[in-house]
Amino acid sequence: MSFLSPAYLFLLLLLIPVIFWYVWELRKSDASLQVSGTAPMKMQKKSLRLYLLHVPFILRVIVIIFLSLALARPQLSNRWQKESTEGIDIMMALDISGTMQAEDLRPNRLEAAKAVATDFVIDRPNDNIGLVVFAGESFTQCPLTTDHAVLVNLFKSVKFGMIEDGTAIGLGLANAVNRMKDSPTKSKVIILLTDGSNNRGDIDPQTAAEIARTFGIRVYAIGVGSYGQARVPVQTPYGTQYMMMDSEFDETTLRNIASTTGGEYFRATDNNSLRSIYEQIDQLEKSKIRVREFSKHTENFVPFLSIALICLLLEILLRYFVLRTLTN
């Protein structure tokens, strides 16, 4: 509740002198009838008039209080807000080359990347998100969509061997740019995840980065792999064998891609650091929410005015009829 004219509340200060005057008058009043003793009177029952003696003054105080509140025009406010969300276009470019089978992340680099990316997608319901995969070649696994249930299912179907092996970073990045360049959305982001160096494809990674910058697309590059060596499964005529592989990739190129497009470069050496990277990206790329607030005020002085009038009528009835005194 609020008051449209709160200055009228200062009328309540009138109660201070009114109450003081009333108490003072009671103290200085003298008896008009002298008697030899009060013992016989103590035996008499108090009349109803005696109990009602101070009620008119109490009613007068209540009248002043509620009349002041009514003049201040109390109002009830109903507030509500209207939100409109502007999502972000996010294209994920995921490396599915053979080296992504390395088990320095659990259960391996690709499955760890899929799990963390899936959680990222679920936590951003207002965004258009798509998926491009690449190895020796690149193709679009899912175009930009807000149907994240479909996207999550397509993430699950990503596996090794879907396309020819190799690492065509430039081609994967260019494919992602092509999928979102014509979008009217103001904020456009590519999350590029790889563990290798560009060794396939007709498009140089730096050229693809320049194209992304032209269309106002930021690239967050994630290099996956621990330091040192990692165990990688290899298929042989005798079944799956394991070999140790140096965990090295072209960090310089990934840094340049991020720098050129205004994005950032991250390195994920384990599952926790990979999850932390996606959390950082989630904080950096928040959807824009515009809020319009509305307020409706309803006048609420009638109940206060009604109480004041009722108390005034009761005071008049008591003072001039019930507690009426005879005067000469």
Protein backbone atom coordinates (compact mmCIF):
# COMPACT_ATOMS: atom_id res chain seq x y z
CA MET A 1 0.00 0.00 0.00
CA SER A 2 1.18 3.53 -0.78
CA PHE A 3 -0.18 7.04 -0.19
CA LEU A 4 -0.75 9.55 -2.99
CA SER A 5 -0.81 12.54 -0.57
CA PRO A 6 1.32 11.49 2.40
CA ALA A 7 1.54 15.09 3.70
CA TYR A 8 -1.91 14.64 5.28
CA LEU A 9 -0.43 12.07 7.63
CA PHE A 10 1.06 14.98 9.57
CA LEU A 11 -2.48 15.60 10.83
CA LEU A 12 -1.84 12.68 13.15
CA LEU A 13 0.42 15.01 15.12
CA LEU A 14 -2.75 16.78 16.28
CA LEU A 15 -3.36 13.79 18.53
CA ILE A 16 -0.50 14.85 20.80
CA PRO A 17 -2.06 18.11 22.04
CA VAL A 18 -5.57 16.62 22.01
CA ILE A 19 -4.62 13.73 24.28
CA PHE A 20 -2.52 15.99 26.50
CA TRP A 21 -5.44 18.41 26.91
CA TYR A 22 -7.87 15.62 27.76
CA VAL A 23 -5.59 14.13 30.43
CA TRP A 24 -4.97 17.59 31.87
CA GLU A 25 -8.67 18.34 32.13
CA LEU A 26 -9.28 15.08 33.95
CA ARG A 27 -6.59 15.83 36.53
CA LYS A 28 -7.79 19.34 37.39
CA SER A 29 -11.51 18.53 37.59
CA ASP A 30 -12.96 19.06 41.10
CA ALA A 31 -15.91 17.34 42.76
CA SER A 32 -19.09 19.39 42.68
CA LEU A 33 -20.75 17.56 45.58
CA GLN A 34 -19.31 17.27 49.07
CA VAL A 35 -20.20 14.30 51.28
CA SER A 36 -19.13 13.20 54.74
CA GLY A 37 -17.72 9.89 53.52
CA THR A 38 -17.43 7.63 50.46
CA ALA A 39 -17.88 4.29 52.18
CA PRO A 40 -21.57 3.97 51.28
CA MET A 41 -20.80 4.78 47.68
CA LYS A 42 -18.23 2.00 47.43
CA MET A 43 -21.01 -0.49 48.02
CA GLN A 44 -22.83 0.73 44.94
CA LYS A 45 -22.31 -1.00 41.59
CA LYS A 46 -20.75 1.08 38.82
CA SER A 47 -23.24 2.09 36.18
CA LEU A 48 -22.86 1.60 32.45
CA ARG A 49 -22.49 5.37 32.04
CA LEU A 50 -19.32 5.28 34.12
CA TYR A 51 -17.77 2.62 31.92
CA LEU A 52 -18.67 4.63 28.82
CA LEU A 53 -17.34 7.89 30.16
CA HIS A 54 -14.10 7.94 28.12
CA VAL A 55 -15.44 6.14 25.05
CA PRO A 56 -16.46 9.37 23.19
CA PHE A 57 -12.90 10.69 23.46
CA ILE A 58 -11.46 7.37 22.22
CA LEU A 59 -13.87 7.49 19.29
CA ARG A 60 -12.78 11.07 18.56
CA VAL A 61 -9.14 9.93 18.42
CA ILE A 62 -10.06 7.10 16.05
CA VAL A 63 -11.92 9.58 13.83
CA ILE A 64 -8.83 11.78 13.55
CA ILE A 65 -6.60 8.79 12.73
CA PHE A 66 -8.78 7.32 10.01
CA LEU A 67 -9.76 10.67 8.55
CA SER A 68 -6.06 11.55 8.20
CA LEU A 69 -5.40 8.22 6.50
CA ALA A 70 -8.32 8.75 4.12
CA LEU A 71 -7.12 12.27 3.19
CA ALA A 72 -3.66 10.83 2.43
CA ARG A 73 -5.38 8.69 -0.27
CA PRO A 74 -4.10 5.16 0.35
CA GLN A 75 -3.69 3.13 -2.84
CA LEU A 76 -3.18 -0.55 -3.53
CA SER A 77 -0.59 -1.28 -6.23
CA ASN A 78 -0.71 -4.25 -8.58
CA ARG A 79 2.63 -4.70 -10.31
CA TRP A 80 3.61 -7.09 -13.04
CA GLN A 81 6.39 -7.26 -15.59
CA LYS A 82 6.71 -8.41 -19.14
CA GLU A 83 9.93 -10.09 -20.23
CA SER A 84 11.21 -10.58 -23.73
CA THR A 85 14.34 -12.63 -24.31
CA GLU A 86 16.83 -12.17 -27.11
CA GLY A 87 18.71 -15.44 -27.56
CA ILE A 88 22.18 -16.01 -28.94
CA ASP A 89 23.20 -18.08 -31.96
CA ILE A 90 25.75 -20.68 -30.90
CA MET A 91 27.33 -23.12 -33.34
CA MET A 92 29.47 -25.90 -31.91
CA ALA A 93 32.29 -27.19 -34.11
CA LEU A 94 33.40 -30.54 -32.69
CA ASP A 95 36.51 -32.50 -33.69
CA ILE A 96 35.73 -36.23 -34.09
CA SER A 97 39.12 -37.32 -35.43
CA GLY A 98 40.82 -40.50 -34.23
CA THR A 99 42.96 -38.72 -31.65
CA MET A 100 39.78 -37.73 -29.80
CA GLN A 101 39.74 -41.35 -28.59
CA ALA A 102 42.61 -40.53 -26.21
CA GLU A 103 41.72 -41.45 -22.65
CA ASP A 104 43.34 -38.61 -20.72
CA LEU A 105 39.74 -37.39 -20.30
CA ARG A 106 37.18 -39.95 -19.14
CA PRO A 107 36.01 -42.10 -20.77
CA ASN A 108 37.75 -40.39 -23.70
CA ARG A 109 38.05 -36.87 -25.14
CA LEU A 110 35.07 -37.12 -27.47
CA GLU A 111 32.62 -38.58 -24.94
CA ALA A 112 33.71 -36.05 -22.32
CA ALA A 113 33.21 -33.22 -24.83
CA LYS A 114 29.76 -34.52 -25.76
CA ALA A 115 28.64 -34.83 -22.13
CA VAL A 116 29.75 -31.32 -21.14
CA ALA A 117 28.36 -29.75 -24.32
CA THR A 118 25.01 -31.46 -23.74
CA ASP A 119 24.73 -29.93 -20.26
CA PHE A 120 25.65 -26.56 -21.77
CA VAL A 121 22.83 -26.86 -24.33
CA ILE A 122 20.25 -27.83 -21.71
CA ASP A 123 21.17 -24.83 -19.55
CA ARG A 124 20.54 -22.34 -22.40
CA PRO A 125 16.89 -22.87 -23.44
CA ASN A 126 16.51 -19.49 -25.19
CA ASP A 127 19.40 -19.85 -27.63
CA ASN A 128 19.60 -21.16 -31.18
CA ILE A 129 22.27 -23.85 -31.03
CA GLY A 130 23.64 -26.07 -33.78
CA LEU A 131 26.37 -28.66 -34.27
CA VAL A 132 29.06 -29.09 -36.91
CA VAL A 133 31.45 -32.06 -36.75
CA PHE A 134 34.73 -32.35 -38.55
CA ALA A 135 37.68 -34.67 -39.01
CA GLY A 136 39.24 -34.96 -42.52
CA GLU A 137 36.01 -33.38 -43.79
CA SER A 138 33.12 -31.50 -42.20
CA PHE A 139 29.34 -31.67 -42.22
CA THR A 140 26.45 -30.20 -40.28
CA GLN A 141 25.06 -32.62 -37.73
CA CYS A 142 22.32 -30.19 -36.66
CA PRO A 143 21.51 -26.67 -37.97
CA LEU A 144 20.66 -23.85 -35.57
CA THR A 145 17.59 -24.80 -33.58
CA THR A 146 15.75 -24.09 -30.35
CA ASP A 147 14.53 -27.70 -30.27
CA HIS A 148 17.24 -28.76 -27.90
CA ALA A 149 15.79 -32.24 -27.37
CA VAL A 150 16.55 -33.02 -31.02
CA LEU A 151 20.02 -31.49 -30.70
CA VAL A 152 20.83 -33.57 -27.62
CA ASN A 153 19.80 -36.76 -29.42
CA LEU A 154 22.00 -35.84 -32.38
CA PHE A 155 24.90 -35.25 -30.00
CA LYS A 156 24.48 -38.78 -28.72
CA SER A 157 24.73 -40.20 -32.24
CA VAL A 158 28.12 -38.56 -32.90
CA LYS A 159 30.90 -41.17 -32.98
CA PHE A 160 34.31 -41.94 -34.44
CA GLY A 161 34.51 -43.01 -38.07
CA MET A 162 31.49 -41.04 -39.27
CA ILE A 163 33.74 -39.25 -41.76
CA GLU A 164 37.24 -39.68 -43.12
CA ASP A 165 39.94 -39.24 -40.50
CA GLY A 166 42.14 -36.18 -40.27
CA THR A 167 41.86 -32.70 -38.75
CA ALA A 168 40.37 -30.01 -41.00
CA ILE A 169 40.04 -27.20 -38.48
CA GLY A 170 39.66 -24.50 -41.13
CA LEU A 171 36.97 -26.44 -42.95
CA GLY A 172 35.02 -27.14 -39.75
CA LEU A 173 35.18 -23.49 -38.71
CA ALA A 174 34.15 -22.26 -42.18
CA ASN A 175 31.20 -24.68 -42.20
CA ALA A 176 30.04 -23.30 -38.84
CA VAL A 177 30.36 -19.73 -40.11
CA ASN A 178 28.35 -20.55 -43.20
CA ARG A 179 25.54 -21.96 -41.07
CA MET A 180 25.07 -18.77 -39.08
CA LYS A 181 26.27 -15.88 -41.29
CA ASP A 182 22.77 -14.98 -42.52
CA SER A 183 21.12 -15.09 -39.11
CA PRO A 184 19.53 -11.78 -38.00
CA THR A 185 20.58 -12.38 -34.39
CA LYS A 186 23.04 -9.80 -33.14
CA SER A 187 25.12 -12.13 -30.96
CA LYS A 188 26.77 -15.02 -32.82
CA VAL A 189 29.24 -17.44 -31.27
CA ILE A 190 31.18 -20.51 -32.38
CA ILE A 191 32.65 -22.94 -29.85
CA LEU A 192 35.50 -24.73 -31.63
CA LEU A 193 36.81 -27.83 -29.87
CA THR A 194 39.75 -29.80 -31.20
CA ASP A 195 42.82 -31.72 -30.07
CA GLY A 196 44.91 -31.55 -33.24
CA SER A 197 46.63 -29.43 -35.83
CA ASN A 198 45.12 -28.53 -39.18
CA ASN A 199 46.28 -31.15 -41.72
CA ARG A 200 43.33 -31.50 -44.09
CA GLY A 201 40.86 -29.35 -46.00
CA ASP A 202 41.12 -26.55 -48.53
CA ILE A 203 40.51 -23.67 -46.10
CA ASP A 204 43.22 -22.32 -43.84
CA PRO A 205 42.08 -21.84 -40.20
CA GLN A 206 43.22 -18.21 -40.18
CA THR A 207 41.26 -17.50 -43.35
CA ALA A 208 38.17 -19.03 -41.76
CA ALA A 209 38.74 -16.83 -38.70
CA GLU A 210 38.88 -13.73 -40.90
CA ILE A 211 35.57 -14.73 -42.49
CA ALA A 212 34.03 -15.19 -39.04
CA ARG A 213 35.17 -11.73 -38.00
CA THR A 214 33.64 -10.25 -41.15
CA PHE A 215 30.22 -11.58 -40.10
CA GLY A 216 30.64 -10.47 -36.48
CA ILE A 217 31.05 -14.00 -35.13
CA ARG A 218 33.16 -14.63 -32.02
CA VAL A 219 35.05 -17.91 -31.73
CA TYR A 220 35.85 -19.57 -28.42
CA ALA A 221 38.57 -22.10 -29.16
CA ILE A 222 39.09 -25.04 -26.82
CA GLY A 223 42.20 -27.19 -27.09
CA VAL A 224 41.64 -30.61 -25.53
CA GLY A 225 44.45 -32.74 -24.15
CA SER A 226 46.60 -33.21 -21.07
CA TYR A 227 50.29 -32.41 -20.95
CA GLY A 228 52.66 -35.28 -21.72
CA GLN A 229 51.39 -38.52 -23.22
CA ALA A 230 47.93 -40.03 -23.45
CA ARG A 231 46.76 -43.59 -24.07
CA VAL A 232 44.95 -44.10 -27.40
CA PRO A 233 43.15 -47.30 -28.54
CA VAL A 234 44.25 -48.64 -31.94
CA GLN A 235 42.43 -51.28 -33.96
CA THR A 236 44.72 -54.12 -35.13
CA PRO A 237 44.14 -57.56 -36.65
CA TYR A 238 44.53 -58.87 -33.10
CA GLY A 239 41.88 -56.60 -31.66
CA THR A 240 42.09 -53.31 -29.84
CA GLN A 241 45.58 -52.40 -28.73
CA TYR A 242 46.72 -49.32 -26.84
CA MET A 243 49.59 -47.03 -27.66
CA MET A 244 50.96 -43.90 -26.02
CA MET A 245 50.63 -40.67 -28.00
CA ASP A 246 52.17 -37.27 -27.37
CA SER A 247 49.39 -34.88 -26.36
CA GLU A 248 50.38 -32.01 -28.62
CA PHE A 249 48.38 -29.75 -30.91
CA ASP A 250 48.65 -26.36 -32.58
CA GLU A 251 47.80 -24.00 -29.74
CA THR A 252 49.19 -21.02 -31.64
CA THR A 253 46.60 -21.37 -34.41
CA LEU A 254 43.76 -21.71 -31.89
CA ARG A 255 44.93 -18.62 -30.03
CA ASN A 256 45.08 -16.65 -33.27
CA ILE A 257 41.56 -17.76 -34.26
CA ALA A 258 40.17 -16.60 -30.90
CA SER A 259 42.10 -13.34 -30.98
CA THR A 260 41.08 -12.51 -34.55
CA THR A 261 37.36 -12.92 -33.81
CA GLY A 262 37.30 -11.29 -30.39
CA GLY A 263 36.84 -14.58 -28.57
CA GLU A 264 39.05 -16.45 -26.12
CA TYR A 265 41.25 -19.54 -26.09
CA PHE A 266 41.03 -22.23 -23.41
CA ARG A 267 42.87 -25.47 -22.76
CA ALA A 268 41.10 -28.44 -21.19
CA THR A 269 43.43 -30.98 -19.63
CA ASP A 270 40.78 -33.03 -17.82
CA ASN A 271 37.02 -33.36 -17.38
CA ASN A 272 36.80 -30.73 -14.63
CA SER A 273 38.72 -28.10 -16.56
CA LEU A 274 36.56 -28.76 -19.64
CA ARG A 275 33.40 -28.27 -17.62
CA SER A 276 34.84 -25.12 -16.07
CA ILE A 277 35.55 -23.73 -19.57
CA TYR A 278 31.95 -24.19 -20.66
CA GLU A 279 30.80 -22.50 -17.45
CA GLN A 280 33.02 -19.52 -18.26
CA ILE A 281 31.62 -19.32 -21.77
CA ASP A 282 28.10 -19.54 -20.33
CA GLN A 283 28.85 -16.50 -18.16
CA LEU A 284 30.46 -14.56 -21.01
CA GLU A 285 27.55 -15.12 -23.39
CA LYS A 286 24.39 -14.33 -21.46
CA SER A 287 21.11 -13.91 -23.30
CA LYS A 288 19.75 -10.37 -23.25
CA ILE A 289 16.48 -9.92 -21.36
CA ARG A 290 14.40 -6.77 -21.72
CA VAL A 291 11.95 -6.14 -18.89
CA ARG A 292 8.95 -3.79 -19.05
CA GLU A 293 7.29 -3.16 -15.71
CA PHE A 294 3.67 -2.09 -15.33
CA SER A 295 1.85 -0.82 -12.26
CA LYS A 296 -1.86 -0.37 -11.55
CA HIS A 297 -3.05 1.71 -8.57
CA THR A 298 -6.47 1.31 -6.94
CA GLU A 299 -7.89 3.97 -4.60
CA ASN A 300 -8.47 2.51 -1.14
CA PHE A 301 -9.60 5.51 0.96
CA VAL A 302 -13.27 4.41 1.23
CA PRO A 303 -12.78 1.87 4.09
CA PHE A 304 -10.81 4.45 6.14
CA LEU A 305 -13.39 7.17 5.53
CA SER A 306 -16.22 4.77 6.40
CA ILE A 307 -14.61 3.84 9.73
CA ALA A 308 -14.10 7.53 10.54
CA LEU A 309 -17.77 8.35 9.83
CA ILE A 310 -19.06 5.38 11.84
CA CYS A 311 -16.92 6.35 14.83
CA LEU A 312 -18.10 9.97 14.54
CA LEU A 313 -21.76 8.88 14.57
CA LEU A 314 -21.14 6.64 17.59
CA GLU A 315 -19.46 9.51 19.42
CA ILE A 316 -22.43 11.81 18.74
CA LEU A 317 -24.91 9.18 19.95
CA LEU A 318 -22.97 8.54 23.14
CA ARG A 319 -22.17 12.16 23.90
CA TYR A 320 -25.60 13.70 23.25
CA PHE A 321 -27.97 10.85 24.12
CA VAL A 322 -26.45 8.16 26.34
CA LEU A 323 -24.05 10.40 28.32
CA ARG A 324 -26.09 13.60 28.10
CA THR A 325 -25.82 15.85 31.15
CA LEU A 326 -28.36 18.37 32.44
CA THR A 327 -27.30 22.00 32.62
CA ASN A 328 -29.06 25.10 33.87
